[in-house]
């Protein structure tokens, strides 16, 4: 039987850290430079999904922002 990694302490700690970063990380370049990643327009994030998200932490946080927007959950992150 395979273990559900989404409930592991390591996964949960990383998810909490990413949610905290999502609340504070600003876009470091481009048209929306200085804007909080969570506040980026959905169509901008969808464009990155098509073209490829940046590597590393920024790309991971942008993907998380898009998932929250698509599912109408961005209100879970404090403003």
N, C-alpha and C. Protein backbone atom coordinates (compact mmCIF):
# COMPACT_ATOMS: atom_id res chain seq x y z
N UNK A 1 0.84 -1.17 0.00
CA UNK A 1 0.00 0.00 0.00
C UNK A 1 0.90 1.24 0.00
N UNK A 2 0.57 2.24 -0.84
CA UNK A 2 1.41 3.44 -0.91
C UNK A 2 0.99 4.45 0.16
N UNK A 3 1.97 5.17 0.66
CA UNK A 3 1.74 6.19 1.69
C UNK A 3 1.25 7.48 1.05
N UNK A 4 0.29 8.14 1.67
CA UNK A 4 -0.22 9.43 1.18
C UNK A 4 0.72 10.53 1.66
N UNK A 5 1.58 11.00 0.75
CA UNK A 5 2.59 11.99 1.13
C UNK A 5 1.99 13.35 1.43
N UNK A 6 0.76 13.60 0.97
CA UNK A 6 0.15 14.91 1.21
C UNK A 6 -0.19 15.11 2.68
N UNK A 7 -0.10 14.07 3.48
CA UNK A 7 -0.37 14.20 4.91
C UNK A 7 0.90 14.10 5.75
N UNK A 8 2.05 13.99 5.09
CA UNK A 8 3.30 13.89 5.84
C UNK A 8 3.62 15.23 6.48
N UNK A 9 4.28 15.23 7.62
CA UNK A 9 4.65 16.48 8.28
C UNK A 9 5.50 17.39 7.40
N UNK A 10 6.39 16.79 6.60
CA UNK A 10 7.25 17.58 5.71
C UNK A 10 6.41 18.30 4.65
N UNK A 11 5.46 17.58 4.05
CA UNK A 11 4.59 18.17 3.03
C UNK A 11 3.77 19.31 3.63
N UNK A 12 3.19 19.07 4.78
CA UNK A 12 2.35 20.09 5.41
C UNK A 12 3.16 21.33 5.79
N UNK A 13 4.38 21.14 6.27
CA UNK A 13 5.24 22.28 6.62
C UNK A 13 5.58 23.08 5.37
N UNK A 14 5.89 22.40 4.27
CA UNK A 14 6.22 23.09 3.03
C UNK A 14 4.99 23.83 2.49
N UNK A 15 3.82 23.21 2.57
CA UNK A 15 2.59 23.85 2.10
C UNK A 15 2.30 25.12 2.91
N UNK A 16 2.47 25.06 4.22
CA UNK A 16 2.27 26.24 5.06
C UNK A 16 3.26 27.35 4.70
N UNK A 17 4.50 26.98 4.46
CA UNK A 17 5.52 27.97 4.10
C UNK A 17 5.17 28.61 2.75
N UNK A 18 4.73 27.81 1.79
CA UNK A 18 4.35 28.35 0.49
C UNK A 18 3.16 29.29 0.59
N UNK A 19 2.21 28.97 1.43
CA UNK A 19 1.05 29.86 1.61
C UNK A 19 1.51 31.18 2.22
N UNK A 20 2.45 31.15 3.13
CA UNK A 20 2.99 32.38 3.70
C UNK A 20 3.71 33.21 2.65
N UNK A 21 4.48 32.54 1.79
CA UNK A 21 5.19 33.25 0.72
C UNK A 21 4.20 33.85 -0.27
N UNK A 22 3.13 33.12 -0.54
CA UNK A 22 2.11 33.60 -1.46
C UNK A 22 1.50 34.90 -0.96
N UNK A 23 1.39 35.03 0.33
CA UNK A 23 0.81 36.24 0.92
C UNK A 23 1.74 37.44 0.82
N UNK A 24 3.05 37.20 0.62
CA UNK A 24 3.99 38.33 0.68
C UNK A 24 4.92 38.48 -0.52
N UNK A 25 5.07 37.47 -1.35
CA UNK A 25 6.03 37.51 -2.45
C UNK A 25 5.55 38.45 -3.56
N UNK A 26 6.43 39.36 -3.95
CA UNK A 26 6.13 40.30 -5.04
C UNK A 26 6.78 39.85 -6.33
N UNK A 27 6.14 40.17 -7.43
CA UNK A 27 6.66 39.85 -8.76
C UNK A 27 7.93 40.68 -8.98
N UNK A 28 9.06 40.02 -9.27
CA UNK A 28 10.33 40.75 -9.37
C UNK A 28 10.63 41.36 -10.73
N UNK A 29 9.80 41.11 -11.74
CA UNK A 29 10.10 41.61 -13.08
C UNK A 29 8.81 41.78 -13.89
N UNK A 30 8.94 42.40 -15.04
CA UNK A 30 7.86 42.47 -16.01
C UNK A 30 6.83 43.55 -15.75
N UNK A 31 5.76 43.44 -16.48
CA UNK A 31 4.66 44.41 -16.45
C UNK A 31 4.10 44.62 -15.04
N UNK A 32 4.07 43.57 -14.26
CA UNK A 32 3.48 43.64 -12.91
C UNK A 32 4.53 43.63 -11.81
N UNK A 33 5.73 44.10 -12.14
CA UNK A 33 6.82 44.17 -11.17
C UNK A 33 6.35 44.90 -9.91
N UNK A 34 6.63 44.31 -8.75
CA UNK A 34 6.28 44.91 -7.47
C UNK A 34 4.90 44.53 -6.97
N UNK A 35 4.08 43.92 -7.83
CA UNK A 35 2.75 43.50 -7.40
C UNK A 35 2.83 42.14 -6.72
N UNK A 36 2.04 41.97 -5.69
CA UNK A 36 2.00 40.68 -4.99
C UNK A 36 1.58 39.59 -5.98
N UNK A 37 2.27 38.45 -5.95
CA UNK A 37 2.00 37.35 -6.89
C UNK A 37 0.52 36.96 -6.85
N UNK A 38 -0.07 36.90 -5.67
CA UNK A 38 -1.47 36.54 -5.57
C UNK A 38 -2.38 37.54 -6.27
N UNK A 39 -1.93 38.78 -6.42
CA UNK A 39 -2.73 39.82 -7.06
C UNK A 39 -2.51 39.91 -8.56
N UNK A 40 -1.68 39.04 -9.12
CA UNK A 40 -1.48 39.04 -10.57
C UNK A 40 -2.76 38.59 -11.26
N UNK A 41 -3.08 39.17 -12.42
CA UNK A 41 -4.28 38.75 -13.15
C UNK A 41 -4.20 37.28 -13.55
N UNK A 42 -5.35 36.62 -13.51
CA UNK A 42 -5.40 35.21 -13.86
C UNK A 42 -4.90 34.96 -15.29
N UNK A 43 -5.24 35.84 -16.22
CA UNK A 43 -4.81 35.63 -17.61
C UNK A 43 -3.29 35.72 -17.74
N UNK A 44 -2.65 36.54 -16.92
CA UNK A 44 -1.19 36.63 -16.91
C UNK A 44 -0.59 35.31 -16.41
N UNK A 45 -1.16 34.77 -15.35
CA UNK A 45 -0.68 33.49 -14.82
C UNK A 45 -0.94 32.36 -15.81
N UNK A 46 -2.07 32.41 -16.51
CA UNK A 46 -2.36 31.39 -17.53
C UNK A 46 -1.36 31.47 -18.68
N UNK A 47 -0.93 32.69 -19.03
CA UNK A 47 0.08 32.85 -20.06
C UNK A 47 1.37 32.16 -19.64
N UNK A 48 1.76 32.37 -18.39
CA UNK A 48 2.97 31.71 -17.88
C UNK A 48 2.80 30.19 -17.89
N UNK A 49 1.61 29.72 -17.60
CA UNK A 49 1.37 28.27 -17.61
C UNK A 49 1.63 27.72 -19.00
N UNK A 50 1.20 28.46 -20.03
CA UNK A 50 1.42 28.03 -21.41
C UNK A 50 2.89 28.12 -21.81
N UNK A 51 3.53 29.21 -21.45
CA UNK A 51 4.91 29.47 -21.88
C UNK A 51 5.96 28.84 -20.98
N UNK A 52 5.58 28.57 -19.74
CA UNK A 52 6.50 27.99 -18.77
C UNK A 52 6.73 28.94 -17.61
N UNK A 53 6.42 28.48 -16.44
CA UNK A 53 6.65 29.29 -15.24
C UNK A 53 8.15 29.43 -15.00
N UNK A 54 8.55 30.50 -14.34
CA UNK A 54 9.98 30.63 -13.97
C UNK A 54 10.40 29.43 -13.11
N UNK A 55 11.65 29.14 -13.15
CA UNK A 55 12.21 28.04 -12.33
C UNK A 55 12.24 28.45 -10.87
N UNK A 56 12.24 27.47 -10.01
CA UNK A 56 12.42 27.69 -8.59
C UNK A 56 11.19 28.18 -7.84
N UNK A 57 11.46 28.87 -6.75
CA UNK A 57 10.42 29.29 -5.82
C UNK A 57 9.36 30.18 -6.49
N UNK A 58 9.80 31.15 -7.28
CA UNK A 58 8.84 32.06 -7.91
C UNK A 58 7.85 31.29 -8.78
N UNK A 59 8.33 30.39 -9.60
CA UNK A 59 7.44 29.59 -10.45
C UNK A 59 6.48 28.75 -9.64
N UNK A 60 6.97 28.15 -8.57
CA UNK A 60 6.12 27.32 -7.71
C UNK A 60 5.01 28.16 -7.07
N UNK A 61 5.36 29.36 -6.61
CA UNK A 61 4.38 30.24 -5.97
C UNK A 61 3.38 30.77 -7.01
N UNK A 62 3.85 31.05 -8.22
CA UNK A 62 2.94 31.49 -9.28
C UNK A 62 1.95 30.38 -9.64
N UNK A 63 2.41 29.15 -9.69
CA UNK A 63 1.52 28.02 -9.96
C UNK A 63 0.47 27.88 -8.86
N UNK A 64 0.89 28.05 -7.62
CA UNK A 64 -0.03 27.99 -6.49
C UNK A 64 -1.07 29.10 -6.59
N UNK A 65 -0.63 30.31 -6.94
CA UNK A 65 -1.56 31.43 -7.09
C UNK A 65 -2.59 31.13 -8.17
N UNK A 66 -2.15 30.55 -9.28
CA UNK A 66 -3.08 30.22 -10.36
C UNK A 66 -4.09 29.18 -9.91
N UNK A 67 -3.64 28.16 -9.21
CA UNK A 67 -4.57 27.12 -8.73
C UNK A 67 -5.62 27.72 -7.80
N UNK A 68 -5.19 28.60 -6.91
CA UNK A 68 -6.14 29.23 -5.99
C UNK A 68 -7.14 30.08 -6.76
N UNK A 69 -6.67 30.83 -7.75
CA UNK A 69 -7.57 31.68 -8.54
C UNK A 69 -8.57 30.84 -9.34
N UNK A 70 -8.09 29.79 -9.99
CA UNK A 70 -8.95 28.93 -10.79
C UNK A 70 -10.06 28.34 -9.94
N UNK A 71 -9.74 28.01 -8.70
CA UNK A 71 -10.70 27.37 -7.80
C UNK A 71 -11.43 28.36 -6.90
N UNK A 72 -11.21 29.66 -7.13
CA UNK A 72 -11.90 30.68 -6.35
C UNK A 72 -11.51 30.71 -4.88
N UNK A 73 -10.27 30.35 -4.58
CA UNK A 73 -9.84 30.23 -3.19
C UNK A 73 -8.83 31.30 -2.76
N UNK A 74 -8.58 32.30 -3.61
CA UNK A 74 -7.57 33.30 -3.24
C UNK A 74 -7.95 34.08 -1.99
N UNK A 75 -9.22 34.07 -1.62
CA UNK A 75 -9.67 34.73 -0.40
C UNK A 75 -9.15 34.07 0.87
N UNK A 76 -8.61 32.87 0.74
CA UNK A 76 -8.03 32.17 1.91
C UNK A 76 -6.72 32.80 2.37
N UNK A 77 -6.09 33.57 1.48
CA UNK A 77 -4.81 34.19 1.80
C UNK A 77 -5.07 35.60 2.28
N UNK A 78 -4.55 35.95 3.46
CA UNK A 78 -4.79 37.30 3.98
C UNK A 78 -4.19 38.38 3.08
N UNK A 79 -4.87 39.50 3.02
CA UNK A 79 -4.42 40.62 2.18
C UNK A 79 -3.55 41.51 2.94
